[in-house]
C-alpha atoms as a PDB file:
ATOM      1  CA  MET A   1      -0.253   0.005  -0.074  1.00  0.00           C
ATOM      2  CA  LEU A   2       2.687   2.324   0.929  1.00  0.00           C
ATOM      3  CA  SER A   3       4.177   1.675  -2.083  1.00  0.00           C
ATOM      4  CA  ASN A   4       1.136   2.339  -4.170  1.00  0.00           C
ATOM      5  CA  LEU A   5       1.257   5.924  -2.611  1.00  0.00           C
ATOM      6  CA  GLN A   6       4.402   6.660  -3.816  1.00  0.00           C
ATOM      7  CA  LEU A   7       4.189   5.826  -7.187  1.00  0.00           C
ATOM      8  CA  HIS A   8       0.784   7.773  -7.093  1.00  0.00           C
ATOM      9  CA  SER A   9       2.583  10.853  -5.445  1.00  0.00           C
ATOM     10  CA  THR A  10       5.388  10.237  -8.037  1.00  0.00           C
ATOM     11  CA  GLN A  11       2.989  10.351 -10.907  1.00  0.00           C
ATOM     12  CA  ARG A  12       1.458  13.805  -9.720  1.00  0.00           C
ATOM     13  CA  ILE A  13       4.934  15.092  -9.815  1.00  0.00           C
ATOM     14  CA  THR A  14       5.793  13.884 -13.125  1.00  0.00           C
ATOM     15  CA  ILE A  15       2.635  15.756 -14.354  1.00  0.00           C
ATOM     16  CA  LEU A  16       3.056  18.683 -12.447  1.00  0.00           C
ATOM     17  CA  ALA A  17       7.158  18.916 -13.685  1.00  0.00           C
ATOM     18  CA  LEU A  18       5.219  18.206 -17.154  1.00  0.00           C
ATOM     19  CA  ARG A  19       2.856  21.604 -17.128  1.00  0.00           C
ATOM     20  CA  LEU A  20       5.617  23.692 -15.896  1.00  0.00           C
ATOM     21  CA  SER A  21       7.706  22.937 -18.658  1.00  0.00           C
ATOM     22  CA  PHE A  22       5.077  23.032 -20.750  1.00  0.00           C
ATOM     23  CA  LEU A  23       3.933  26.630 -19.523  1.00  0.00           C
ATOM     24  CA  LEU A  24       7.589  27.704 -19.689  1.00  0.00           C
ATOM     25  CA  ILE A  25       7.860  26.934 -23.027  1.00  0.00           C
ATOM     26  CA  PHE A  26       4.596  28.178 -24.409  1.00  0.00           C
ATOM     27  CA  SER A  27       5.071  32.027 -22.448  1.00  0.00           C
ATOM     28  CA  SER A  28       8.719  31.910 -24.214  1.00  0.00           C
ATOM     29  CA  LEU A  29       6.956  31.305 -27.699  1.00  0.00           C
ATOM     30  CA  PHE A  30       4.072  33.791 -27.309  1.00  0.00           C
ATOM     31  CA  PRO A  31       5.686  37.373 -25.763  1.00  0.00           C
ATOM     32  CA  THR A  32       2.790  39.532 -24.638  1.00  0.00           C
ATOM     33  CA  SER A  33       1.392  42.278 -26.886  1.00  0.00           C
ATOM     34  CA  HIS A  34       0.859  45.565 -26.143  1.00  0.00           C
ATOM     35  CA  SER A  35      -1.594  47.818 -28.628  1.00  0.00           C
ATOM     36  CA  TYR A  36       0.443  50.927 -28.588  1.00  0.00           C
ATOM     37  CA  PRO A  37       4.682  50.638 -27.758  1.00  0.00           C
ATOM     38  CA  SER A  38       5.800  51.551 -24.097  1.00  0.00           C
ATOM     39  CA  ARG A  39       9.406  51.939 -24.944  1.00  0.00           C
ATOM     40  CA  THR A  40       9.547  55.328 -23.124  1.00  0.00           C
ATOM     41  CA  HIS A  41      12.882  56.041 -24.174  1.00  0.00           C
ATOM     42  CA  ILE A  42      13.072  55.911 -28.155  1.00  0.00           C
ATOM     43  CA  THR A  43      13.602  59.186 -29.493  1.00  0.00           C
ATOM     44  CA  ILE A  44      10.954  60.913 -31.089  1.00  0.00           C
ATOM     45  CA  TYR A  45      12.609  64.013 -32.477  1.00  0.00           C
ATOM     46  CA  ALA A  46      15.317  66.928 -31.352  1.00  0.00           C
ATOM     47  CA  SER A  47      16.232  70.353 -32.060  1.00  0.00           C
ATOM     48  CA  CYS A  48      19.158  72.432 -31.157  1.00  0.00           C
ATOM     49  CA  SER A  49      19.818  75.867 -31.194  1.00  0.00           C
ATOM     50  CA  GLN A  50      22.784  77.255 -33.701  1.00  0.00           C
ATOM     51  CA  GLU A  51      24.145  79.491 -30.515  1.00  0.00           C
ATOM     52  CA  LYS A  52      26.942  77.939 -28.562  1.00  0.00           C
ATOM     53  CA  TYR A  53      28.261  78.390 -25.085  1.00  0.00           C
ATOM     54  CA  GLN A  54      31.669  78.173 -24.122  1.00  0.00           C
ATOM     55  CA  PRO A  55      33.104  75.310 -21.818  1.00  0.00           C
ATOM     56  CA  ASN A  56      33.643  76.915 -17.974  1.00  0.00           C
ATOM     57  CA  THR A  57      31.057  79.486 -18.248  1.00  0.00           C
ATOM     58  CA  PRO A  58      28.404  80.332 -15.475  1.00  0.00           C
ATOM     59  CA  PHE A  59      25.977  79.154 -18.199  1.00  0.00           C
ATOM     60  CA  LYS A  60      27.695  75.767 -18.111  1.00  0.00           C
ATOM     61  CA  SER A  61      27.728  75.633 -14.470  1.00  0.00           C
ATOM     62  CA  ASN A  62      24.181  76.295 -13.856  1.00  0.00           C
ATOM     63  CA  LEU A  63      23.459  73.793 -16.782  1.00  0.00           C
ATOM     64  CA  ASN A  64      24.901  70.960 -15.447  1.00  0.00           C
ATOM     65  CA  SER A  65      23.324  71.798 -11.785  1.00  0.00           C
ATOM     66  CA  PHE A  66      19.818  71.459 -13.734  1.00  0.00           C
ATOM     67  CA  LEU A  67      20.543  68.190 -15.387  1.00  0.00           C
ATOM     68  CA  SER A  68      21.813  66.592 -11.906  1.00  0.00           C
ATOM     69  CA  SER A  69      19.013  67.641 -10.523  1.00  0.00           C
ATOM     70  CA  VAL A  70      15.839  67.328 -12.650  1.00  0.00           C
ATOM     71  CA  ALA A  71      15.794  63.223 -12.588  1.00  0.00           C
ATOM     72  CA  THR A  72      15.034  63.640  -9.305  1.00  0.00           C
ATOM     73  CA  SER A  73      12.360  66.095  -9.257  1.00  0.00           C
ATOM     74  CA  SER A  74      10.649  63.937 -11.744  1.00  0.00           C
ATOM     75  CA  SER A  75      10.027  61.195  -9.807  1.00  0.00           C
ATOM     76  CA  GLU A  76       7.806  63.198  -7.504  1.00  0.00           C
ATOM     77  CA  VAL A  77       6.275  65.136 -10.330  1.00  0.00           C
ATOM     78  CA  THR A  78       5.496  64.684 -13.738  1.00  0.00           C
ATOM     79  CA  TYR A  79       5.991  68.336 -15.412  1.00  0.00           C
ATOM     80  CA  ASP A  80       8.292  71.200 -13.930  1.00  0.00           C
ATOM     81  CA  SER A  81       9.734  74.479 -15.204  1.00  0.00           C
ATOM     82  CA  PHE A  82      11.991  76.465 -13.175  1.00  0.00           C
ATOM     83  CA  ALA A  83      15.182  78.982 -13.581  1.00  0.00           C
ATOM     84  CA  ILE A  84      18.618  78.285 -12.512  1.00  0.00           C
ATOM     85  CA  GLY A  85      21.279  81.105 -12.093  1.00  0.00           C
ATOM     86  CA  ASN A  86      20.888  85.264 -12.077  1.00  0.00           C
ATOM     87  CA  ASP A  87      21.563  87.183 -15.088  1.00  0.00           C
ATOM     88  CA  THR A  88      22.719  89.439 -12.683  1.00  0.00           C
ATOM     89  CA  SER A  89      25.225  87.920 -10.676  1.00  0.00           C
ATOM     90  CA  THR A  90      26.600  85.475 -13.482  1.00  0.00           C
ATOM     91  CA  GLY A  91      26.777  87.553 -16.383  1.00  0.00           C
ATOM     92  CA  GLY A  92      24.311  85.952 -18.215  1.00  0.00           C
ATOM     93  CA  GLY A  93      24.466  82.549 -17.035  1.00  0.00           C
ATOM     94  CA  VAL A  94      20.701  81.630 -16.305  1.00  0.00           C
ATOM     95  CA  VAL A  95      19.051  78.701 -17.790  1.00  0.00           C
ATOM     96  CA  TYR A  96      15.212  78.187 -18.083  1.00  0.00           C
ATOM     97  CA  VAL A  97      14.352  74.915 -17.816  1.00  0.00           C
ATOM     98  CA  LEU A  98      11.486  72.290 -18.200  1.00  0.00           C
ATOM     99  CA  TYR A  99      10.533  68.875 -18.386  1.00  0.00           C
ATOM    100  CA  GLN A 100       7.195  66.938 -18.820  1.00  0.00           C
ATOM    101  CA  CYS A 101       6.341  62.994 -18.877  1.00  0.00           C
ATOM    102  CA  ARG A 102       3.030  61.270 -20.892  1.00  0.00           C
ATOM    103  CA  GLY A 103       0.329  61.839 -18.586  1.00  0.00           C
ATOM    104  CA  ASP A 104      -0.022  57.985 -18.143  1.00  0.00           C
ATOM    105  CA  LEU A 105       3.652  57.156 -16.652  1.00  0.00           C
ATOM    106  CA  HIS A 106       4.223  55.768 -13.189  1.00  0.00           C
ATOM    107  CA  PRO A 107       6.473  58.446 -11.619  1.00  0.00           C
ATOM    108  CA  LEU A 108       9.101  55.819 -11.497  1.00  0.00           C
ATOM    109  CA  ASP A 109       9.032  55.394 -15.257  1.00  0.00           C
ATOM    110  CA  CYS A 110       8.505  58.939 -15.821  1.00  0.00           C
ATOM    111  CA  SER A 111      11.741  59.242 -13.325  1.00  0.00           C
ATOM    112  CA  LYS A 112      13.863  56.578 -15.658  1.00  0.00           C
ATOM    113  CA  CYS A 113      12.632  58.504 -18.910  1.00  0.00           C
ATOM    114  CA  VAL A 114      13.716  61.964 -17.776  1.00  0.00           C
ATOM    115  CA  GLY A 115      16.920  60.448 -16.471  1.00  0.00           C
ATOM    116  CA  ARG A 116      17.669  58.797 -20.172  1.00  0.00           C
ATOM    117  CA  CYS A 117      16.845  62.223 -21.466  1.00  0.00           C
ATOM    118  CA  VAL A 118      18.820  64.458 -19.817  1.00  0.00           C
ATOM    119  CA  ASN A 119      21.553  61.742 -20.146  1.00  0.00           C
ATOM    120  CA  GLN A 120      21.199  62.315 -23.863  1.00  0.00           C
ATOM    121  CA  ILE A 121      20.645  65.894 -24.313  1.00  0.00           C
ATOM    122  CA  GLY A 122      23.948  67.204 -24.164  1.00  0.00           C
ATOM    123  CA  LEU A 123      25.388  64.335 -26.596  1.00  0.00           C
ATOM    124  CA  VAL A 124      22.714  65.154 -29.019  1.00  0.00           C
ATOM    125  CA  CYS A 125      22.967  69.250 -28.785  1.00  0.00           C
ATOM    126  CA  PRO A 126      26.918  69.701 -27.446  1.00  0.00           C
ATOM    127  CA  TYR A 127      27.297  73.122 -26.163  1.00  0.00           C
ATOM    128  CA  SER A 128      23.910  74.611 -27.289  1.00  0.00           C
ATOM    129  CA  LEU A 129      22.132  77.344 -25.753  1.00  0.00           C
ATOM    130  CA  GLY A 130      19.183  75.782 -26.554  1.00  0.00           C
ATOM    131  CA  ALA A 131      17.996  72.558 -26.966  1.00  0.00           C
ATOM    132  CA  SER A 132      14.472  69.914 -26.675  1.00  0.00           C
ATOM    133  CA  LEU A 133      14.563  66.020 -27.048  1.00  0.00           C
ATOM    134  CA  GLN A 134      11.570  64.297 -27.322  1.00  0.00           C
ATOM    135  CA  PHE A 135      11.601  60.849 -26.058  1.00  0.00           C
ATOM    136  CA  GLU A 136       8.527  58.528 -26.570  1.00  0.00           C
ATOM    137  CA  GLY A 137       7.616  58.981 -22.824  1.00  0.00           C
ATOM    138  CA  CYS A 138       9.250  62.468 -21.953  1.00  0.00           C
ATOM    139  CA  TYR A 139      10.097  65.670 -23.035  1.00  0.00           C
ATOM    140  CA  VAL A 140      12.999  68.070 -21.534  1.00  0.00           C
ATOM    141  CA  ARG A 141      14.032  71.626 -22.959  1.00  0.00           C
ATOM    142  CA  TYR A 142      16.281  74.365 -21.609  1.00  0.00           C
ATOM    143  CA  GLU A 143      16.817  77.685 -23.200  1.00  0.00           C
ATOM    144  CA  HIS A 144      18.662  80.934 -22.144  1.00  0.00           C
ATOM    145  CA  SER A 145      15.977  82.939 -22.370  1.00  0.00           C
ATOM    146  CA  GLY A 146      12.686  82.979 -20.501  1.00  0.00           C
ATOM    147  CA  ASP A 147      10.410  82.581 -24.119  1.00  0.00           C
ATOM    148  CA  LEU A 148       9.974  78.470 -23.653  1.00  0.00           C
ATOM    149  CA  LEU A 149       7.207  79.343 -20.474  1.00  0.00           C
ATOM    150  CA  GLY A 150       3.673  79.796 -21.218  1.00  0.00           C
ATOM    151  CA  LYS A 151       3.952  80.702 -24.683  1.00  0.00           C
ATOM    152  CA  LEU A 152       1.843  79.304 -27.623  1.00  0.00           C
ATOM    153  CA  ASP A 153       3.911  77.777 -30.026  1.00  0.00           C
ATOM    154  CA  THR A 154       2.037  75.707 -32.638  1.00  0.00           C
ATOM    155  CA  GLY A 155       5.196  75.090 -35.324  1.00  0.00           C
ATOM    156  CA  VAL A 156       5.558  71.280 -36.576  1.00  0.00           C
ATOM    157  CA  ARG A 157       8.368  69.612 -34.677  1.00  0.00           C
ATOM    158  CA  TYR A 158       7.884  66.346 -35.878  1.00  0.00           C
ATOM    159  CA  LYS A 159       4.976  64.296 -38.205  1.00  0.00           C
ATOM    160  CA  LYS A 160       5.015  60.509 -38.862  1.00  0.00           C
ATOM    161  CA  CYS A 161       2.062  59.100 -41.491  1.00  0.00           C
ATOM    162  CA  SER A 162       1.768  55.274 -42.055  1.00  0.00           C
ATOM    163  CA  LYS A 163       0.231  54.466 -45.431  1.00  0.00           C
ATOM    164  CA  GLY A 164      -3.442  55.472 -46.240  1.00  0.00           C
ATOM    165  CA  VAL A 165      -6.970  53.399 -45.503  1.00  0.00           C
ATOM    166  CA  SER A 166      -8.343  53.380 -48.885  1.00  0.00           C
ATOM    167  CA  SER A 167     -12.267  53.323 -48.522  1.00  0.00           C
ATOM    168  CA  ASP A 168     -12.875  52.474 -44.955  1.00  0.00           C
ATOM    169  CA  VAL A 169     -15.940  54.803 -44.087  1.00  0.00           C
ATOM    170  CA  GLU A 170     -16.396  53.231 -40.796  1.00  0.00           C
ATOM    171  CA  PHE A 171     -12.660  53.669 -39.869  1.00  0.00           C
ATOM    172  CA  PHE A 172     -12.815  57.832 -40.710  1.00  0.00           C
ATOM    173  CA  ARG A 173     -15.496  58.137 -38.840  1.00  0.00           C
ATOM    174  CA  ARG A 174     -14.093  56.558 -35.573  1.00  0.00           C
ATOM    175  CA  ARG A 175     -11.108  58.605 -36.212  1.00  0.00           C
ATOM    176  CA  ASP A 176     -13.200  61.672 -36.553  1.00  0.00           C
ATOM    177  CA  ASP A 177     -14.411  60.902 -33.359  1.00  0.00           C
ATOM    178  CA  VAL A 178     -11.354  60.187 -31.770  1.00  0.00           C
ATOM    179  CA  LEU A 179     -10.052  63.535 -33.371  1.00  0.00           C
ATOM    180  CA  GLU A 180     -12.943  65.851 -31.990  1.00  0.00           C
ATOM    181  CA  ASP A 181     -12.548  64.133 -28.250  1.00  0.00           C
ATOM    182  CA  LEU A 182      -8.949  64.916 -28.565  1.00  0.00           C
ATOM    183  CA  GLN A 183      -9.280  68.507 -29.095  1.00  0.00           C
ATOM    184  CA  THR A 184     -11.015  69.146 -25.994  1.00  0.00           C
ATOM    185  CA  ALA A 185      -8.069  67.516 -23.862  1.00  0.00           C
ATOM    186  CA  ASN A 186      -7.090  69.703 -21.208  1.00  0.00           C
ATOM    187  CA  GLY A 187      -3.299  68.395 -20.262  1.00  0.00           C
ATOM    188  CA  PHE A 188      -3.346  64.573 -21.367  1.00  0.00           C
ATOM    189  CA  ARG A 189      -6.522  62.485 -22.890  1.00  0.00           C
ATOM    190  CA  VAL A 190      -6.971  58.829 -24.030  1.00  0.00           C
ATOM    191  CA  SER A 191      -9.773  58.382 -26.359  1.00  0.00           C
ATOM    192  CA  SER A 192     -11.079  55.304 -28.175  1.00  0.00           C
ATOM    193  CA  SER A 193     -13.698  54.548 -30.700  1.00  0.00           C
ATOM    194  CA  GLY A 194     -14.192  51.601 -32.172  1.00  0.00           C
ATOM    195  CA  LEU A 195     -11.042  50.106 -33.432  1.00  0.00           C
ATOM    196  CA  VAL A 196      -9.345  53.656 -33.566  1.00  0.00           C
ATOM    197  CA  GLN A 197      -7.563  54.735 -30.253  1.00  0.00           C
ATOM    198  CA  GLY A 198      -5.501  57.926 -29.725  1.00  0.00           C
ATOM    199  CA  PHE A 199      -4.115  60.371 -26.992  1.00  0.00           C
ATOM    200  CA  ALA A 200      -3.204  63.940 -26.984  1.00  0.00           C
ATOM    201  CA  GLN A 201      -1.298  66.064 -24.389  1.00  0.00           C
ATOM    202  CA  CYS A 202      -0.227  69.757 -24.045  1.00  0.00           C
ATOM    203  CA  LEU A 203       2.806  71.114 -21.946  1.00  0.00           C
ATOM    204  CA  GLY A 204       1.842  71.539 -18.550  1.00  0.00           C
ATOM    205  CA  ASP A 205       2.713  75.782 -18.662  1.00  0.00           C
ATOM    206  CA  LEU A 206      -0.205  76.407 -21.220  1.00  0.00           C
ATOM    207  CA  SER A 207      -3.757  77.876 -20.166  1.00  0.00           C
ATOM    208  CA  VAL A 208      -6.699  75.803 -20.858  1.00  0.00           C
ATOM    209  CA  SER A 209      -7.440  78.241 -23.808  1.00  0.00           C
ATOM    210  CA  ASP A 210      -3.695  77.750 -25.255  1.00  0.00           C
ATOM    211  CA  CYS A 211      -4.298  74.060 -24.888  1.00  0.00           C
ATOM    212  CA  SER A 212      -7.281  73.867 -27.012  1.00  0.00           C
ATOM    213  CA  THR A 213      -5.869  76.051 -29.851  1.00  0.00           C
ATOM    214  CA  CYS A 214      -2.491  73.892 -29.852  1.00  0.00           C
ATOM    215  CA  LEU A 215      -4.608  70.919 -30.403  1.00  0.00           C
ATOM    216  CA  VAL A 216      -7.223  72.052 -32.624  1.00  0.00           C
ATOM    217  CA  ASP A 217      -4.221  73.057 -34.806  1.00  0.00           C
ATOM    218  CA  ALA A 218      -2.806  69.833 -34.206  1.00  0.00           C
ATOM    219  CA  VAL A 219      -5.604  67.893 -35.212  1.00  0.00           C
ATOM    220  CA  GLY A 220      -5.967  69.775 -38.355  1.00  0.00           C
ATOM    221  CA  LYS A 221      -2.744  69.146 -39.398  1.00  0.00           C
ATOM    222  CA  MET A 222      -3.083  65.591 -39.038  1.00  0.00           C
ATOM    223  CA  LYS A 223      -5.633  65.400 -41.940  1.00  0.00           C
ATOM    224  CA  SER A 224      -4.341  67.905 -43.805  1.00  0.00           C
ATOM    225  CA  LEU A 225      -0.714  66.522 -43.646  1.00  0.00           C
ATOM    226  CA  CYS A 226      -1.248  62.789 -43.552  1.00  0.00           C
ATOM    227  CA  GLY A 227      -4.912  62.386 -45.403  1.00  0.00           C
ATOM    228  CA  SER A 228      -6.562  58.841 -44.617  1.00  0.00           C
ATOM    229  CA  ALA A 229      -3.285  57.586 -42.981  1.00  0.00           C
ATOM    230  CA  ALA A 230      -4.080  54.563 -40.620  1.00  0.00           C
ATOM    231  CA  ALA A 231      -1.725  55.963 -37.864  1.00  0.00           C
ATOM    232  CA  VAL A 232      -0.234  59.599 -37.327  1.00  0.00           C
ATOM    233  CA  ASP A 233       1.596  61.419 -35.139  1.00  0.00           C
ATOM    234  CA  VAL A 234       2.140  65.281 -35.178  1.00  0.00           C
ATOM    235  CA  PHE A 235       4.259  67.234 -32.291  1.00  0.00           C
ATOM    236  CA  LEU A 236       3.743  70.734 -32.240  1.00  0.00           C
ATOM    237  CA  GLY A 237       6.041  73.299 -29.883  1.00  0.00           C
ATOM    238  CA  GLN A 238       3.702  72.704 -27.137  1.00  0.00           C
ATOM    239  CA  CYS A 239       1.454  69.879 -27.750  1.00  0.00           C
ATOM    240  CA  TYR A 240       1.190  66.527 -29.756  1.00  0.00           C
ATOM    241  CA  ALA A 241      -1.815  64.247 -30.742  1.00  0.00           C
ATOM    242  CA  ARG A 242      -1.450  60.698 -32.107  1.00  0.00           C
ATOM    243  CA  TYR A 243      -4.229  58.280 -33.305  1.00  0.00           C
ATOM    244  CA  TRP A 244      -3.824  54.590 -34.833  1.00  0.00           C
ATOM    245  CA  ALA A 245      -6.269  51.782 -36.152  1.00  0.00           C
ATOM    246  CA  SER A 246      -6.580  49.351 -33.105  1.00  0.00           C
ATOM    247  CA  GLY A 247      -3.615  46.248 -33.934  1.00  0.00           C
ATOM    248  CA  TYR A 248      -1.334  48.848 -36.026  1.00  0.00           C
ATOM    249  CA  TYR A 249       1.475  48.745 -33.872  1.00  0.00           C
ATOM    250  CA  ASP A 250       1.274  44.880 -32.872  1.00  0.00           C
ATOM    251  CA  GLU A 251       1.584  44.338 -36.885  1.00  0.00           C
ATOM    252  CA  ARG A 252       4.364  46.486 -37.170  1.00  0.00           C
ATOM    253  CA  ASP A 253       6.189  45.435 -34.366  1.00  0.00           C
ATOM    254  CA  SER A 254       5.773  41.542 -35.552  1.00  0.00           C
ATOM    255  CA  HIS A 255       7.769  43.095 -38.609  1.00  0.00           C
ATOM    256  CA  ASN A 256      10.333  45.242 -36.492  1.00  0.00           C
ATOM    257  CA  ASP A 257      11.023  42.397 -33.512  1.00  0.00           C
ATOM    258  CA  ASP A 258      14.461  41.837 -33.343  1.00  0.00           C
ATOM    259  CA  GLN A 259      15.122  38.024 -34.147  1.00  0.00           C
ATOM    260  CA  VAL A 260      17.712  37.112 -32.245  1.00  0.00           C
ATOM    261  CA  GLY A 261      16.074  38.312 -28.873  1.00  0.00           C
ATOM    262  CA  LYS A 262      13.168  36.090 -29.977  1.00  0.00           C
ATOM    263  CA  SER A 263      15.620  33.205 -30.043  1.00  0.00           C
ATOM    264  CA  VAL A 264      17.292  33.692 -27.276  1.00  0.00           C
ATOM    265  CA  ALA A 265      13.875  33.807 -25.388  1.00  0.00           C
ATOM    266  CA  ILE A 266      12.762  30.744 -27.040  1.00  0.00           C
ATOM    267  CA  ILE A 267      15.766  28.949 -26.354  1.00  0.00           C
ATOM    268  CA  VAL A 268      15.821  30.254 -22.575  1.00  0.00           C
ATOM    269  CA  GLY A 269      12.282  28.977 -22.275  1.00  0.00           C
ATOM    270  CA  VAL A 270      12.821  25.595 -23.770  1.00  0.00           C
ATOM    271  CA  PHE A 271      16.079  25.109 -21.504  1.00  0.00           C
ATOM    272  CA  GLY A 272      14.325  26.599 -18.291  1.00  0.00           C
ATOM    273  CA  GLY A 273      11.314  24.165 -18.936  1.00  0.00           C
ATOM    274  CA  LEU A 274      13.793  20.992 -19.087  1.00  0.00           C
ATOM    275  CA  ALA A 275      15.446  22.039 -16.082  1.00  0.00           C
ATOM    276  CA  VAL A 276      12.602  22.175 -13.960  1.00  0.00           C
ATOM    277  CA  LEU A 277      11.557  18.619 -15.410  1.00  0.00           C
ATOM    278  CA  VAL A 278      14.586  17.532 -14.541  1.00  0.00           C
ATOM    279  CA  VAL A 279      14.562  18.659 -11.053  1.00  0.00           C
ATOM    280  CA  LEU A 280      11.101  17.616 -10.374  1.00  0.00           C
ATOM    281  CA  LEU A 281      11.986  14.247 -11.750  1.00  0.00           C
ATOM    282  CA  SER A 282      14.883  14.127  -9.786  1.00  0.00           C
ATOM    283  CA  ILE A 283      12.878  14.409  -6.308  1.00  0.00           C
ATOM    284  CA  CYS A 284      10.232  11.884  -7.767  1.00  0.00           C
ATOM    285  CA  LYS A 285      13.187   9.370  -7.934  1.00  0.00           C
ATOM    286  CA  LYS A 286      14.373  10.125  -4.549  1.00  0.00           C
ATOM    287  CA  ALA A 287      10.412   9.737  -3.025  1.00  0.00           C
ATOM    288  CA  ALA A 288      10.274   6.397  -4.530  1.00  0.00           C
ATOM    289  CA  GLY A 289      13.663   5.103  -3.716  1.00  0.00           C
END
């Protein structure tokens, strides 16, 4: 009877091992997908002033002070703007700065994104008196004048249009519903209608009326510049708007994924499953012995 109980226990452990192994292998073959890319550190655009500052100047010192502290601040608030330095005492060394994260980011993700942005802005725009760097999840800008704060700017910084949708009446109706909703955003807004999704955001220093003006302009440019595109990104000086047909990014990413990374994930999953199986079978043998 004891032998039968041990055999039954061994069979149960073996079945459990096989299930765990299958789960590890299956999960490695089918990675999780998202409706919109979550890689917050991907660069969208950069802008660098033609004017340069000299090394070992008050401006450089104040800029370094900003860059070293802004990542810490971004772990607490997702938008901030301030000035560092004093024109009178430093002979023109004042730096005006701002940063902002996408409205749906967790503070920890915001801090990581801003930290990466800060680390790269000096490499992208070396010695520039003014620079801005837009990542997928955050934005950092600095200037040597205070014109960047609260001043409406609807100039196009970046646009991206996908291939067009030929004659899908339902798509255009849903797209227009989303764009109409995004125009009413005050800060950050996510919208969806049927199979079309989108979001929009204004910089935190804009008034409600200026934010509305900026987004109306952005939506107008989406239609005029990209026509019937299935997915559009338009970034203006102080706001942006994006929309896409459901599944567009999943389909695009399926063509752009790193095949080496996929292979490594599959191999790790297979060997991980086999390792679990070997360990549990070893336990079974000891229990049976």
